[in-house]
Amino acid sequence: MIELNRTFLGRLSEQLSELIEQQSAEVFKRAGLVIPVKSSSLMGAIALLGPVSVADLGRALDRSHQLIQQKIPKLATLGLIVRQPDPQDQRVILIAITDKGREQLALLDSLDGEFERAYAEMEQDAGPVFDGIKQAIRSLQARPLVERMEI
């Protein structure tokens, strides 16, 4: 594997994200979860805010309307959510969680302690990854790369 320097921090972050997604998928499978790993936060937002529009979900999760829209059909096919017209505006489709979706989220919530323990153990090996990532995001939001570079 090619060693990446700081110029490729974004790619390194992607590798970590992909590794977490792959390993979480195995955990989800063993636990009987059918929620796609990358849709977990979306499911939580639907449960919290629903019935809710795709636009409102995008704002709540700081994600594009298109990205949210792409995930909805799979969640509906899995029986985790339903789509229904907004009684206030028939042009708007609202997304609501189903009983199966609630059961799946409860199962996911039951794994919180195990995920916390596993990540804490990983951080004993790797250092404070979670806090470091949060700090890096805040730092780049406050002062983007272009302002930090002399070009």
N, C-alpha and C. Protein backbone atom coordinates (compact mmCIF):
# COMPACT_ATOMS: atom_id res chain seq x y z
N MET A 1 0.84 -1.18 0.00
CA MET A 1 0.00 0.00 0.00
C MET A 1 0.88 1.24 0.00
N ILE A 2 0.47 2.25 -0.73
CA ILE A 2 1.21 3.50 -0.82
C ILE A 2 1.01 4.30 0.45
N GLU A 3 2.10 4.83 1.00
CA GLU A 3 2.01 5.69 2.17
C GLU A 3 1.53 7.07 1.74
N LEU A 4 0.53 7.59 2.41
CA LEU A 4 -0.02 8.90 2.09
C LEU A 4 0.51 9.94 3.06
N ASN A 5 0.83 11.13 2.54
CA ASN A 5 1.24 12.22 3.42
C ASN A 5 0.03 13.11 3.70
N ARG A 6 0.24 14.21 4.40
CA ARG A 6 -0.87 15.08 4.81
C ARG A 6 -1.65 15.66 3.64
N THR A 7 -1.03 15.75 2.47
CA THR A 7 -1.75 16.24 1.29
C THR A 7 -2.98 15.38 1.02
N PHE A 8 -2.91 14.12 1.41
CA PHE A 8 -3.98 13.17 1.15
C PHE A 8 -4.77 12.82 2.40
N LEU A 9 -4.90 13.78 3.31
CA LEU A 9 -5.66 13.56 4.54
C LEU A 9 -7.09 13.15 4.24
N GLY A 10 -7.70 13.75 3.22
CA GLY A 10 -9.07 13.39 2.85
C GLY A 10 -9.18 11.92 2.48
N ARG A 11 -8.23 11.40 1.71
CA ARG A 11 -8.25 9.99 1.32
C ARG A 11 -8.05 9.09 2.53
N LEU A 12 -7.16 9.50 3.42
CA LEU A 12 -6.93 8.72 4.63
C LEU A 12 -8.21 8.67 5.48
N SER A 13 -8.91 9.80 5.56
CA SER A 13 -10.18 9.84 6.28
C SER A 13 -11.21 8.92 5.62
N GLU A 14 -11.23 8.89 4.29
CA GLU A 14 -12.12 7.97 3.57
C GLU A 14 -11.82 6.52 3.90
N GLN A 15 -10.53 6.18 3.96
CA GLN A 15 -10.15 4.81 4.29
C GLN A 15 -10.65 4.42 5.67
N LEU A 16 -10.53 5.33 6.63
CA LEU A 16 -11.04 5.05 7.97
C LEU A 16 -12.56 4.87 7.93
N SER A 17 -13.24 5.75 7.22
CA SER A 17 -14.69 5.66 7.10
C SER A 17 -15.12 4.34 6.46
N GLU A 18 -14.43 3.96 5.40
CA GLU A 18 -14.76 2.70 4.71
C GLU A 18 -14.52 1.49 5.62
N LEU A 19 -13.44 1.52 6.37
CA LEU A 19 -13.13 0.43 7.29
C LEU A 19 -14.19 0.32 8.39
N ILE A 20 -14.58 1.46 8.93
CA ILE A 20 -15.63 1.46 9.96
C ILE A 20 -16.93 0.95 9.37
N GLU A 21 -17.27 1.38 8.16
CA GLU A 21 -18.51 0.93 7.52
C GLU A 21 -18.49 -0.59 7.31
N GLN A 22 -17.41 -1.12 6.78
CA GLN A 22 -17.31 -2.56 6.53
C GLN A 22 -17.42 -3.35 7.83
N GLN A 23 -16.70 -2.92 8.85
CA GLN A 23 -16.72 -3.65 10.10
C GLN A 23 -18.05 -3.49 10.84
N SER A 24 -18.66 -2.33 10.73
CA SER A 24 -19.98 -2.13 11.33
C SER A 24 -21.03 -2.98 10.63
N ALA A 25 -20.90 -3.15 9.31
CA ALA A 25 -21.84 -3.98 8.56
C ALA A 25 -21.84 -5.41 9.11
N GLU A 26 -20.67 -5.92 9.46
CA GLU A 26 -20.58 -7.26 10.04
C GLU A 26 -21.26 -7.30 11.41
N VAL A 27 -21.06 -6.27 12.21
CA VAL A 27 -21.71 -6.19 13.52
C VAL A 27 -23.23 -6.15 13.33
N PHE A 28 -23.69 -5.30 12.40
CA PHE A 28 -25.13 -5.18 12.13
C PHE A 28 -25.71 -6.53 11.72
N LYS A 29 -25.01 -7.22 10.83
CA LYS A 29 -25.49 -8.52 10.34
C LYS A 29 -25.62 -9.51 11.49
N ARG A 30 -24.60 -9.60 12.32
CA ARG A 30 -24.62 -10.54 13.45
C ARG A 30 -25.72 -10.20 14.46
N ALA A 31 -26.03 -8.91 14.59
CA ALA A 31 -27.05 -8.47 15.55
C ALA A 31 -28.46 -8.57 14.98
N GLY A 32 -28.58 -8.86 13.68
CA GLY A 32 -29.90 -8.94 13.07
C GLY A 32 -30.43 -7.60 12.59
N LEU A 33 -29.54 -6.63 12.42
CA LEU A 33 -29.95 -5.32 11.92
C LEU A 33 -29.99 -5.32 10.40
N VAL A 34 -31.05 -4.79 9.83
CA VAL A 34 -31.15 -4.66 8.37
C VAL A 34 -30.95 -3.21 7.94
N ILE A 35 -30.88 -2.29 8.89
CA ILE A 35 -30.61 -0.89 8.56
C ILE A 35 -29.24 -0.82 7.88
N PRO A 36 -29.15 -0.22 6.69
CA PRO A 36 -27.82 -0.02 6.11
C PRO A 36 -26.98 0.87 7.02
N VAL A 37 -25.72 0.52 7.19
CA VAL A 37 -24.85 1.25 8.11
C VAL A 37 -24.88 2.75 7.82
N LYS A 38 -24.78 3.11 6.54
CA LYS A 38 -24.72 4.53 6.18
C LYS A 38 -26.08 5.22 6.25
N SER A 39 -27.11 4.50 6.66
CA SER A 39 -28.44 5.11 6.82
C SER A 39 -28.86 5.17 8.29
N SER A 40 -27.97 4.82 9.18
CA SER A 40 -28.31 4.79 10.61
C SER A 40 -28.72 6.15 11.14
N SER A 41 -27.93 7.18 10.84
CA SER A 41 -28.28 8.51 11.34
C SER A 41 -29.54 9.03 10.68
N LEU A 42 -29.76 8.67 9.42
CA LEU A 42 -31.00 9.05 8.73
C LEU A 42 -32.20 8.42 9.41
N MET A 43 -32.10 7.15 9.77
CA MET A 43 -33.20 6.48 10.46
C MET A 43 -33.47 7.14 11.81
N GLY A 44 -32.43 7.49 12.52
CA GLY A 44 -32.60 8.17 13.80
C GLY A 44 -33.29 9.51 13.64
N ALA A 45 -32.92 10.25 12.60
CA ALA A 45 -33.54 11.55 12.35
C ALA A 45 -35.01 11.40 11.97
N ILE A 46 -35.33 10.38 11.17
CA ILE A 46 -36.73 10.15 10.80
C ILE A 46 -37.54 9.82 12.05
N ALA A 47 -36.99 8.99 12.92
CA ALA A 47 -37.69 8.62 14.15
C ALA A 47 -37.91 9.85 15.04
N LEU A 48 -36.92 10.72 15.11
CA LEU A 48 -36.98 11.89 15.96
C LEU A 48 -37.90 12.97 15.39
N LEU A 49 -37.81 13.20 14.08
CA LEU A 49 -38.50 14.34 13.46
C LEU A 49 -39.80 13.97 12.74
N GLY A 50 -39.95 12.68 12.40
CA GLY A 50 -41.01 12.27 11.49
C GLY A 50 -42.40 12.43 12.02
N PRO A 51 -43.36 12.41 11.09
CA PRO A 51 -43.18 12.47 9.64
C PRO A 51 -42.50 13.77 9.22
N VAL A 52 -41.56 13.63 8.30
CA VAL A 52 -40.69 14.74 7.94
C VAL A 52 -40.38 14.71 6.44
N SER A 53 -40.19 15.87 5.86
CA SER A 53 -39.85 15.95 4.44
C SER A 53 -38.37 15.64 4.22
N VAL A 54 -38.04 15.27 3.01
CA VAL A 54 -36.65 15.01 2.64
C VAL A 54 -35.82 16.28 2.82
N ALA A 55 -36.39 17.42 2.47
CA ALA A 55 -35.66 18.69 2.61
C ALA A 55 -35.33 18.96 4.08
N ASP A 56 -36.29 18.72 4.96
CA ASP A 56 -36.04 18.93 6.39
C ASP A 56 -35.02 17.94 6.94
N LEU A 57 -35.06 16.71 6.44
CA LEU A 57 -34.05 15.73 6.85
C LEU A 57 -32.66 16.17 6.41
N GLY A 58 -32.55 16.67 5.20
CA GLY A 58 -31.27 17.15 4.70
C GLY A 58 -30.71 18.26 5.57
N ARG A 59 -31.59 19.20 5.94
CA ARG A 59 -31.15 20.30 6.81
C ARG A 59 -30.74 19.78 8.19
N ALA A 60 -31.52 18.88 8.74
CA ALA A 60 -31.23 18.36 10.09
C ALA A 60 -29.92 17.60 10.13
N LEU A 61 -29.61 16.89 9.05
CA LEU A 61 -28.39 16.06 9.02
C LEU A 61 -27.22 16.74 8.31
N ASP A 62 -27.46 17.95 7.80
CA ASP A 62 -26.46 18.69 7.03
C ASP A 62 -25.98 17.85 5.85
N ARG A 63 -26.95 17.29 5.13
CA ARG A 63 -26.70 16.47 3.96
C ARG A 63 -27.52 17.00 2.80
N SER A 64 -27.11 16.68 1.58
CA SER A 64 -27.84 17.17 0.41
C SER A 64 -29.18 16.46 0.28
N HIS A 65 -30.11 17.18 -0.29
CA HIS A 65 -31.44 16.64 -0.58
C HIS A 65 -31.30 15.38 -1.43
N GLN A 66 -30.39 15.42 -2.41
CA GLN A 66 -30.20 14.29 -3.32
C GLN A 66 -29.70 13.05 -2.59
N LEU A 67 -28.77 13.22 -1.66
CA LEU A 67 -28.24 12.08 -0.92
C LEU A 67 -29.34 11.43 -0.08
N ILE A 68 -30.12 12.25 0.59
CA ILE A 68 -31.23 11.71 1.40
C ILE A 68 -32.22 11.00 0.47
N GLN A 69 -32.56 11.64 -0.63
CA GLN A 69 -33.53 11.08 -1.58
C GLN A 69 -33.08 9.71 -2.10
N GLN A 70 -31.78 9.53 -2.31
CA GLN A 70 -31.25 8.26 -2.81
C GLN A 70 -31.42 7.12 -1.81
N LYS A 71 -31.41 7.43 -0.52
CA LYS A 71 -31.48 6.39 0.50
C LYS A 71 -32.91 5.95 0.82
N ILE A 72 -33.87 6.79 0.53
CA ILE A 72 -35.27 6.54 0.91
C ILE A 72 -35.84 5.26 0.29
N PRO A 73 -35.65 4.99 -1.01
CA PRO A 73 -36.25 3.78 -1.58
C PRO A 73 -35.80 2.49 -0.91
N LYS A 74 -34.52 2.38 -0.57
CA LYS A 74 -34.00 1.18 0.09
C LYS A 74 -34.64 1.01 1.46
N LEU A 75 -34.75 2.09 2.22
CA LEU A 75 -35.36 2.02 3.54
C LEU A 75 -36.83 1.63 3.44
N ALA A 76 -37.51 2.13 2.41
CA ALA A 76 -38.92 1.76 2.20
C ALA A 76 -39.04 0.29 1.81
N THR A 77 -38.17 -0.17 0.93
CA THR A 77 -38.18 -1.58 0.50
C THR A 77 -37.94 -2.51 1.69
N LEU A 78 -37.10 -2.10 2.62
CA LEU A 78 -36.82 -2.89 3.82
C LEU A 78 -37.96 -2.83 4.84
N GLY A 79 -38.95 -1.98 4.57
CA GLY A 79 -40.09 -1.85 5.48
C GLY A 79 -39.79 -1.02 6.72
N LEU A 80 -38.74 -0.21 6.66
CA LEU A 80 -38.33 0.59 7.82
C LEU A 80 -39.01 1.95 7.87
N ILE A 81 -39.43 2.43 6.70
CA ILE A 81 -40.09 3.73 6.60
C ILE A 81 -41.25 3.63 5.63
N VAL A 82 -42.12 4.62 5.68
CA VAL A 82 -43.18 4.77 4.68
C VAL A 82 -43.16 6.21 4.18
N ARG A 83 -43.62 6.38 2.96
CA ARG A 83 -43.77 7.70 2.36
C ARG A 83 -45.26 8.02 2.31
N GLN A 84 -45.61 9.24 2.65
CA GLN A 84 -47.01 9.64 2.63
C GLN A 84 -47.12 11.11 2.26
N PRO A 85 -48.21 11.49 1.60
CA PRO A 85 -48.38 12.92 1.26
C PRO A 85 -48.56 13.77 2.51
N ASP A 86 -48.05 14.96 2.46
CA ASP A 86 -48.23 15.93 3.54
C ASP A 86 -49.67 16.43 3.50
N PRO A 87 -50.44 16.28 4.57
CA PRO A 87 -51.82 16.74 4.56
C PRO A 87 -51.94 18.25 4.34
N GLN A 88 -50.88 19.00 4.67
CA GLN A 88 -50.88 20.46 4.49
C GLN A 88 -50.53 20.88 3.07
N ASP A 89 -49.76 20.04 2.37
CA ASP A 89 -49.30 20.37 1.02
C ASP A 89 -49.09 19.06 0.26
N GLN A 90 -50.02 18.69 -0.57
CA GLN A 90 -50.00 17.41 -1.28
C GLN A 90 -48.79 17.25 -2.20
N ARG A 91 -48.09 18.34 -2.50
CA ARG A 91 -46.89 18.24 -3.35
C ARG A 91 -45.71 17.68 -2.56
N VAL A 92 -45.76 17.76 -1.25
CA VAL A 92 -44.65 17.33 -0.38
C VAL A 92 -44.92 15.91 0.11
N ILE A 93 -43.88 15.08 0.04
CA ILE A 93 -43.96 13.72 0.57
C ILE A 93 -43.26 13.70 1.92
N LEU A 94 -43.94 13.15 2.90
CA LEU A 94 -43.36 13.02 4.24
C LEU A 94 -42.86 11.60 4.45
N ILE A 95 -41.80 11.48 5.20
CA ILE A 95 -41.20 10.19 5.52
C ILE A 95 -41.49 9.90 7.00
N ALA A 96 -41.99 8.70 7.26
CA ALA A 96 -42.30 8.31 8.64
C ALA A 96 -41.71 6.92 8.91
N ILE A 97 -41.35 6.69 10.13
CA ILE A 97 -40.79 5.40 10.53
C ILE A 97 -41.92 4.40 10.77
N THR A 98 -41.65 3.15 10.48
CA THR A 98 -42.63 2.08 10.72
C THR A 98 -42.32 1.40 12.05
N ASP A 99 -43.21 0.51 12.47
CA ASP A 99 -42.96 -0.27 13.69
C ASP A 99 -41.67 -1.08 13.54
N LYS A 100 -41.47 -1.67 12.36
CA LYS A 100 -40.24 -2.43 12.11
C LYS A 100 -39.02 -1.51 12.23
N GLY A 101 -39.13 -0.29 11.71
CA GLY A 101 -38.04 0.68 11.83
C GLY A 101 -37.73 1.01 13.27
N ARG A 102 -38.78 1.19 14.09
CA ARG A 102 -38.59 1.46 15.52
C ARG A 102 -37.89 0.28 16.21
N GLU A 103 -38.31 -0.93 15.86
CA GLU A 103 -37.69 -2.12 16.45
C GLU A 103 -36.21 -2.19 16.07
N GLN A 104 -35.91 -1.89 14.82
CA GLN A 104 -34.52 -1.92 14.37
C GLN A 104 -33.68 -0.85 15.09
N LEU A 105 -34.25 0.34 15.26
CA LEU A 105 -33.52 1.39 15.97
C LEU A 105 -33.30 1.03 17.44
N ALA A 106 -34.28 0.36 18.04
CA ALA A 106 -34.12 -0.09 19.43
C ALA A 106 -32.98 -1.11 19.51
N LEU A 107 -32.90 -1.99 18.52
CA LEU A 107 -31.82 -2.97 18.48
C LEU A 107 -30.48 -2.26 18.30
N LEU A 108 -30.43 -1.28 17.42
CA LEU A 108 -29.21 -0.51 17.22
C LEU A 108 -28.82 0.22 18.51
N ASP A 109 -29.80 0.83 19.17
CA ASP A 109 -29.53 1.53 20.44
C ASP A 109 -28.96 0.57 21.49
N SER A 110 -29.40 -0.68 21.46
CA SER A 110 -28.91 -1.66 22.44
C SER A 110 -27.43 -1.97 22.24
N LEU A 111 -26.89 -1.61 21.08
CA LEU A 111 -25.47 -1.85 20.80
C LEU A 111 -24.58 -0.67 21.17
N ASP A 112 -25.19 0.44 21.60
CA ASP A 112 -24.40 1.64 21.92
C ASP A 112 -23.24 1.35 22.87
N GLY A 113 -23.52 0.63 23.94
CA GLY A 113 -22.48 0.34 24.91
C GLY A 113 -21.34 -0.47 24.32
N GLU A 114 -21.67 -1.42 23.47
CA GLU A 114 -20.63 -2.24 22.82
C GLU A 114 -19.80 -1.41 21.84
N PHE A 115 -20.47 -0.54 21.07
CA PHE A 115 -19.71 0.34 20.16
C PHE A 115 -18.81 1.27 20.96
N GLU A 116 -19.33 1.84 22.04
CA GLU A 116 -18.53 2.73 22.89
C GLU A 116 -17.29 2.00 23.41
N ARG A 117 -17.50 0.79 23.91
CA ARG A 117 -16.39 0.00 24.46
C ARG A 117 -15.36 -0.31 23.37
N ALA A 118 -15.84 -0.74 22.21
CA ALA A 118 -14.93 -1.10 21.11
C ALA A 118 -14.11 0.10 20.64
N TYR A 119 -14.79 1.25 20.50
CA TYR A 119 -14.06 2.45 20.05
C TYR A 119 -13.10 2.95 21.14
N ALA A 120 -13.50 2.84 22.40
CA ALA A 120 -12.59 3.24 23.49
C ALA A 120 -11.34 2.36 23.47
N GLU A 121 -11.54 1.08 23.22
CA GLU A 121 -10.38 0.17 23.12
C GLU A 121 -9.51 0.54 21.93
N MET A 122 -10.12 0.86 20.79
CA MET A 122 -9.36 1.28 19.62
C MET A 122 -8.57 2.54 19.94
N GLU A 123 -9.20 3.48 20.65
CA GLU A 123 -8.52 4.74 20.97
C GLU A 123 -7.37 4.54 21.97
N GLN A 124 -7.41 3.45 22.74
CA GLN A 124 -6.25 3.14 23.59
C GLN A 124 -5.04 2.84 22.72
N ASP A 125 -5.29 2.22 21.56
CA ASP A 125 -4.22 1.90 20.62
C ASP A 125 -3.83 3.11 19.76
N ALA A 126 -4.84 3.89 19.32
CA ALA A 126 -4.62 4.90 18.30
C ALA A 126 -4.61 6.33 18.80
N GLY A 127 -5.02 6.56 20.03
CA GLY A 127 -5.15 7.93 20.52
C GLY A 127 -6.58 8.43 20.35
N PRO A 128 -6.83 9.66 20.76
CA PRO A 128 -8.20 10.20 20.78
C PRO A 128 -8.73 10.55 19.39
N VAL A 129 -9.11 9.54 18.63
CA VAL A 129 -9.55 9.71 17.24
C VAL A 129 -10.84 10.53 17.17
N PHE A 130 -11.84 10.16 17.95
CA PHE A 130 -13.15 10.83 17.88
C PHE A 130 -13.01 12.33 18.14
N ASP A 131 -12.38 12.68 19.25
CA ASP A 131 -12.22 14.09 19.58
C ASP A 131 -11.33 14.79 18.55
N GLY A 132 -10.31 14.11 18.07
CA GLY A 132 -9.42 14.70 17.07
C GLY A 132 -10.15 15.02 15.77
N ILE A 133 -11.02 14.12 15.32
CA ILE A 133 -11.79 14.37 14.10
C ILE A 133 -12.74 15.54 14.31
N LYS A 134 -13.43 15.58 15.45
CA LYS A 134 -14.34 16.69 15.73
C LYS A 134 -13.58 18.02 15.76
N GLN A 135 -12.40 18.02 16.37
CA GLN A 135 -11.60 19.25 16.44
C GLN A 135 -11.12 19.67 15.05
N ALA A 136 -10.72 18.70 14.22
CA ALA A 136 -10.27 19.01 12.86
C ALA A 136 -11.39 19.63 12.04
N ILE A 137 -12.59 19.09 12.17
CA ILE A 137 -13.74 19.63 11.44
C ILE A 137 -14.00 21.07 11.87
N ARG A 138 -14.04 21.30 13.17
CA ARG A 138 -14.28 22.66 13.67
C ARG A 138 -13.18 23.62 13.20
N SER A 139 -11.94 23.16 13.21
CA SER A 139 -10.82 23.99 12.80
C SER A 139 -10.94 24.39 11.32
N LEU A 140 -11.28 23.42 10.46
CA LEU A 140 -11.40 23.73 9.03
C LEU A 140 -12.65 24.55 8.72
N GLN A 141 -13.68 24.40 9.52
CA GLN A 141 -14.86 25.25 9.35
C GLN A 141 -14.54 26.70 9.72
N ALA A 142 -13.75 26.86 10.76
CA ALA A 142 -13.39 28.20 11.23
C ALA A 142 -12.39 28.87 10.28
N ARG A 143 -11.48 28.08 9.74
CA ARG A 143 -10.45 28.65 8.85
C ARG A 143 -10.12 27.61 7.78
N PRO A 144 -10.71 27.74 6.59
CA PRO A 144 -10.51 26.76 5.51
C PRO A 144 -9.04 26.66 5.06
N LEU A 145 -8.76 25.57 4.37
CA LEU A 145 -7.40 25.33 3.86
C LEU A 145 -6.88 26.49 3.03
N VAL A 146 -7.72 27.04 2.17
CA VAL A 146 -7.27 28.11 1.27
C VAL A 146 -6.74 29.31 2.05
N GLU A 147 -7.29 29.55 3.24
CA GLU A 147 -6.79 30.65 4.06
C GLU A 147 -5.51 30.28 4.79
N ARG A 148 -5.23 29.01 4.90
CA ARG A 148 -4.05 28.54 5.62
C ARG A 148 -2.85 28.37 4.68
N MET A 149 -3.09 28.45 3.38
CA MET A 149 -2.04 28.22 2.41
C MET A 149 -1.63 29.52 1.74
N GLU A 150 -0.42 29.57 1.28
CA GLU A 150 0.11 30.78 0.63
C GLU A 150 0.10 30.62 -0.87
N ILE A 151 -1.07 30.41 -1.45
CA ILE A 151 -1.17 30.30 -2.91
C ILE A 151 -2.24 31.24 -3.42
